[in-house]
Amino acid sequence: QVQLVESGGDSVQAGGSLRLSCATSGDVYSRVCMGWFRQAPGKEREVVATLYTGDSATYYIDSVKGRFTISIGNDKNTLYLQMNSLKPEDTALYYCAAGPPTYGGFHCPPYVHRYWGQGTQVTVSS
């Protein structure tokens, strides 16, 4: 099993920054893929960024490219999401997720993330 606990959510003004953290523990293979997802009110949950710990390859959705950075601590137990130039449309409940990899061309597609944290709220005001 895998345990995930997010922190760092807050209310900020547009243009501000936040760093989300996710403390992870449990089966190592099930944490080879790690990612951040978000769900805004009335919308479906969407992937924000993923990271393959095998080679640190990352993926971002277009709307956050150049503004958000996913990274992992040296101990491979803490996942981060640095969010800069925040916009009101970034407002959502942010989830940390983890899962085992696939071995196709893209190791960490959204569907492999089967373990979830409880979420941390990010609110961006204009």
C-alpha atoms as a PDB file:
ATOM      1  CA  GLN A   1       0.000   0.000   0.000  1.00  0.00           C
ATOM      2  CA  VAL A   2       0.924   3.628  -0.477  1.00  0.00           C
ATOM      3  CA  GLN A   3       0.174   6.588   1.763  1.00  0.00           C
ATOM      4  CA  LEU A   4       0.070  10.151   0.466  1.00  0.00           C
ATOM      5  CA  VAL A   5      -0.437  13.323   2.489  1.00  0.00           C
ATOM      6  CA  GLU A   6      -0.592  16.710   0.796  1.00  0.00           C
ATOM      7  CA  SER A   7       0.070  20.108   2.322  1.00  0.00           C
ATOM      8  CA  GLY A   8       0.732  23.667   1.226  1.00  0.00           C
ATOM      9  CA  GLY A   9      -2.617  24.720  -0.204  1.00  0.00           C
ATOM     10  CA  ASP A  10      -3.684  28.298   0.533  1.00  0.00           C
ATOM     11  CA  SER A  11      -5.508  31.342  -0.770  1.00  0.00           C
ATOM     12  CA  VAL A  12      -3.385  33.712  -2.858  1.00  0.00           C
ATOM     13  CA  GLN A  13      -3.856  36.559  -5.268  1.00  0.00           C
ATOM     14  CA  ALA A  14      -3.365  36.177  -9.004  1.00  0.00           C
ATOM     15  CA  GLY A  15       0.303  36.309  -9.908  1.00  0.00           C
ATOM     16  CA  GLY A  16       1.353  34.766  -6.620  1.00  0.00           C
ATOM     17  CA  SER A  17       3.163  31.527  -5.908  1.00  0.00           C
ATOM     18  CA  LEU A  18       2.611  28.408  -3.819  1.00  0.00           C
ATOM     19  CA  ARG A  19       4.515  25.210  -3.267  1.00  0.00           C
ATOM     20  CA  LEU A  20       2.557  22.057  -2.599  1.00  0.00           C
ATOM     21  CA  SER A  21       4.176  19.120  -0.844  1.00  0.00           C
ATOM     22  CA  CYS A  22       3.180  15.477  -0.689  1.00  0.00           C
ATOM     23  CA  ALA A  23       4.691  13.142   1.875  1.00  0.00           C
ATOM     24  CA  THR A  24       4.701   9.619   0.499  1.00  0.00           C
ATOM     25  CA  SER A  25       5.411   6.203   1.997  1.00  0.00           C
ATOM     26  CA  GLY A  26       4.802   2.555   1.256  1.00  0.00           C
ATOM     27  CA  ASP A  27       5.599   0.215  -1.599  1.00  0.00           C
ATOM     28  CA  VAL A  28       8.403   1.677  -3.703  1.00  0.00           C
ATOM     29  CA  TYR A  29       7.316   0.151  -7.033  1.00  0.00           C
ATOM     30  CA  SER A  30       3.858   1.645  -6.597  1.00  0.00           C
ATOM     31  CA  ARG A  31       5.459   5.095  -6.289  1.00  0.00           C
ATOM     32  CA  VAL A  32       7.551   4.973  -9.449  1.00  0.00           C
ATOM     33  CA  CYS A  33       4.991   7.264 -11.073  1.00  0.00           C
ATOM     34  CA  MET A  34       3.880  10.290  -9.092  1.00  0.00           C
ATOM     35  CA  GLY A  35       1.680  13.122 -10.126  1.00  0.00           C
ATOM     36  CA  TRP A  36      -0.459  16.081  -9.241  1.00  0.00           C
ATOM     37  CA  PHE A  37      -4.091  16.253 -10.275  1.00  0.00           C
ATOM     38  CA  ARG A  38      -6.744  18.888  -9.607  1.00  0.00           C
ATOM     39  CA  GLN A  39     -10.485  19.188  -9.550  1.00  0.00           C
ATOM     40  CA  ALA A  40     -12.334  22.487  -9.743  1.00  0.00           C
ATOM     41  CA  PRO A  41     -15.972  22.798  -8.644  1.00  0.00           C
ATOM     42  CA  GLY A  42     -18.299  21.406 -11.280  1.00  0.00           C
ATOM     43  CA  LYS A  43     -15.444  20.024 -13.359  1.00  0.00           C
ATOM     44  CA  GLU A  44     -13.843  16.638 -13.800  1.00  0.00           C
ATOM     45  CA  ARG A  45     -10.531  15.860 -12.193  1.00  0.00           C
ATOM     46  CA  GLU A  46      -7.606  16.520 -14.528  1.00  0.00           C
ATOM     47  CA  VAL A  47      -3.933  15.700 -14.512  1.00  0.00           C
ATOM     48  CA  VAL A  48      -1.649  18.673 -13.904  1.00  0.00           C
ATOM     49  CA  ALA A  49       1.825  17.118 -13.991  1.00  0.00           C
ATOM     50  CA  THR A  50       3.450  13.720 -13.658  1.00  0.00           C
ATOM     51  CA  LEU A  51       6.944  12.540 -12.889  1.00  0.00           C
ATOM     52  CA  TYR A  52       8.603   9.188 -13.648  1.00  0.00           C
ATOM     53  CA  THR A  53      11.126   8.588 -10.877  1.00  0.00           C
ATOM     54  CA  GLY A  54      13.126   6.190 -13.057  1.00  0.00           C
ATOM     55  CA  ASP A  55      14.672   9.021 -15.058  1.00  0.00           C
ATOM     56  CA  SER A  56      12.860  12.095 -13.669  1.00  0.00           C
ATOM     57  CA  ALA A  57      10.940  12.553 -16.924  1.00  0.00           C
ATOM     58  CA  THR A  58       8.070  14.980 -16.483  1.00  0.00           C
ATOM     59  CA  TYR A  59       4.798  15.781 -18.185  1.00  0.00           C
ATOM     60  CA  TYR A  60       2.678  18.941 -17.887  1.00  0.00           C
ATOM     61  CA  ILE A  61      -0.656  19.943 -19.273  1.00  0.00           C
ATOM     62  CA  ASP A  62      -0.404  22.899 -21.621  1.00  0.00           C
ATOM     63  CA  SER A  63      -2.139  25.354 -19.311  1.00  0.00           C
ATOM     64  CA  VAL A  64       0.577  25.093 -16.632  1.00  0.00           C
ATOM     65  CA  LYS A  65       3.707  24.742 -18.770  1.00  0.00           C
ATOM     66  CA  GLY A  66       6.260  27.374 -17.860  1.00  0.00           C
ATOM     67  CA  ARG A  67       4.464  28.189 -14.599  1.00  0.00           C
ATOM     68  CA  PHE A  68       4.425  24.930 -12.598  1.00  0.00           C
ATOM     69  CA  THR A  69       7.307  22.606 -11.788  1.00  0.00           C
ATOM     70  CA  ILE A  70       6.967  19.065 -10.430  1.00  0.00           C
ATOM     71  CA  SER A  71       9.912  17.651  -8.535  1.00  0.00           C
ATOM     72  CA  ILE A  72      10.851  15.034  -5.976  1.00  0.00           C
ATOM     73  CA  GLY A  73      13.103  15.227  -2.955  1.00  0.00           C
ATOM     74  CA  ASN A  74      16.440  13.458  -2.874  1.00  0.00           C
ATOM     75  CA  ASP A  75      14.999  10.739  -0.639  1.00  0.00           C
ATOM     76  CA  LYS A  76      12.277  10.079  -3.246  1.00  0.00           C
ATOM     77  CA  ASN A  77       9.673  10.350  -0.475  1.00  0.00           C
ATOM     78  CA  THR A  78       8.413  13.908  -0.915  1.00  0.00           C
ATOM     79  CA  LEU A  79       6.787  15.185  -4.079  1.00  0.00           C
ATOM     80  CA  TYR A  80       6.527  18.909  -4.772  1.00  0.00           C
ATOM     81  CA  LEU A  81       4.604  21.176  -7.083  1.00  0.00           C
ATOM     82  CA  GLN A  82       5.988  24.692  -7.384  1.00  0.00           C
ATOM     83  CA  MET A  83       3.268  26.936  -8.774  1.00  0.00           C
ATOM     84  CA  ASN A  84       4.177  30.412 -10.037  1.00  0.00           C
ATOM     85  CA  SER A  85       2.171  33.115 -11.809  1.00  0.00           C
ATOM     86  CA  LEU A  86      -1.023  31.637 -10.441  1.00  0.00           C
ATOM     87  CA  LYS A  87      -4.289  32.437 -12.190  1.00  0.00           C
ATOM     88  CA  PRO A  88      -7.881  32.296 -10.937  1.00  0.00           C
ATOM     89  CA  GLU A  89      -8.458  29.317 -13.227  1.00  0.00           C
ATOM     90  CA  ASP A  90      -5.888  27.386 -11.186  1.00  0.00           C
ATOM     91  CA  THR A  91      -8.343  27.349  -8.280  1.00  0.00           C
ATOM     92  CA  ALA A  92      -9.061  23.719  -7.395  1.00  0.00           C
ATOM     93  CA  LEU A  93      -8.565  20.924  -4.936  1.00  0.00           C
ATOM     94  CA  TYR A  94      -5.115  19.525  -5.710  1.00  0.00           C
ATOM     95  CA  TYR A  95      -4.393  15.824  -5.224  1.00  0.00           C
ATOM     96  CA  CYS A  96      -1.138  13.952  -5.049  1.00  0.00           C
ATOM     97  CA  ALA A  97      -1.240  10.512  -6.655  1.00  0.00           C
ATOM     98  CA  ALA A  98       1.059   7.569  -7.271  1.00  0.00           C
ATOM     99  CA  GLY A  99       1.158   4.308  -9.143  1.00  0.00           C
ATOM    100  CA  PRO A 100       3.332   1.721 -10.887  1.00  0.00           C
ATOM    101  CA  PRO A 101       4.634   2.494 -14.381  1.00  0.00           C
ATOM    102  CA  THR A 102       3.771   1.105 -17.770  1.00  0.00           C
ATOM    103  CA  TYR A 103       6.531   0.266 -20.189  1.00  0.00           C
ATOM    104  CA  GLY A 104       5.237   1.839 -23.321  1.00  0.00           C
ATOM    105  CA  GLY A 105       6.575   5.083 -24.713  1.00  0.00           C
ATOM    106  CA  PHE A 106       5.069   7.123 -21.883  1.00  0.00           C
ATOM    107  CA  HIS A 107       5.715   5.495 -18.553  1.00  0.00           C
ATOM    108  CA  CYS A 108       3.296   7.457 -16.386  1.00  0.00           C
ATOM    109  CA  PRO A 109      -0.019   8.126 -18.105  1.00  0.00           C
ATOM    110  CA  PRO A 110      -2.763   9.432 -15.816  1.00  0.00           C
ATOM    111  CA  TYR A 111      -4.541   6.067 -15.523  1.00  0.00           C
ATOM    112  CA  VAL A 112      -1.644   4.347 -13.698  1.00  0.00           C
ATOM    113  CA  HIS A 113      -2.080   6.622 -10.688  1.00  0.00           C
ATOM    114  CA  ARG A 114      -4.168   4.466  -8.363  1.00  0.00           C
ATOM    115  CA  TYR A 115      -3.216   5.789  -4.924  1.00  0.00           C
ATOM    116  CA  TRP A 116      -4.511   9.184  -3.831  1.00  0.00           C
ATOM    117  CA  GLY A 117      -4.080  11.701  -1.065  1.00  0.00           C
ATOM    118  CA  GLN A 118      -6.910  13.604   0.529  1.00  0.00           C
ATOM    119  CA  GLY A 119      -6.291  16.827  -1.382  1.00  0.00           C
ATOM    120  CA  THR A 120      -5.237  20.363  -0.526  1.00  0.00           C
ATOM    121  CA  GLN A 121      -7.217  23.452  -1.566  1.00  0.00           C
ATOM    122  CA  VAL A 122      -5.689  26.155  -3.735  1.00  0.00           C
ATOM    123  CA  THR A 123      -7.723  29.325  -4.215  1.00  0.00           C
ATOM    124  CA  VAL A 124      -6.509  32.123  -6.483  1.00  0.00           C
ATOM    125  CA  SER A 125      -8.356  35.438  -6.400  1.00  0.00           C
ATOM    126  CA  SER A 126      -8.241  38.095  -9.088  1.00  0.00           C
END
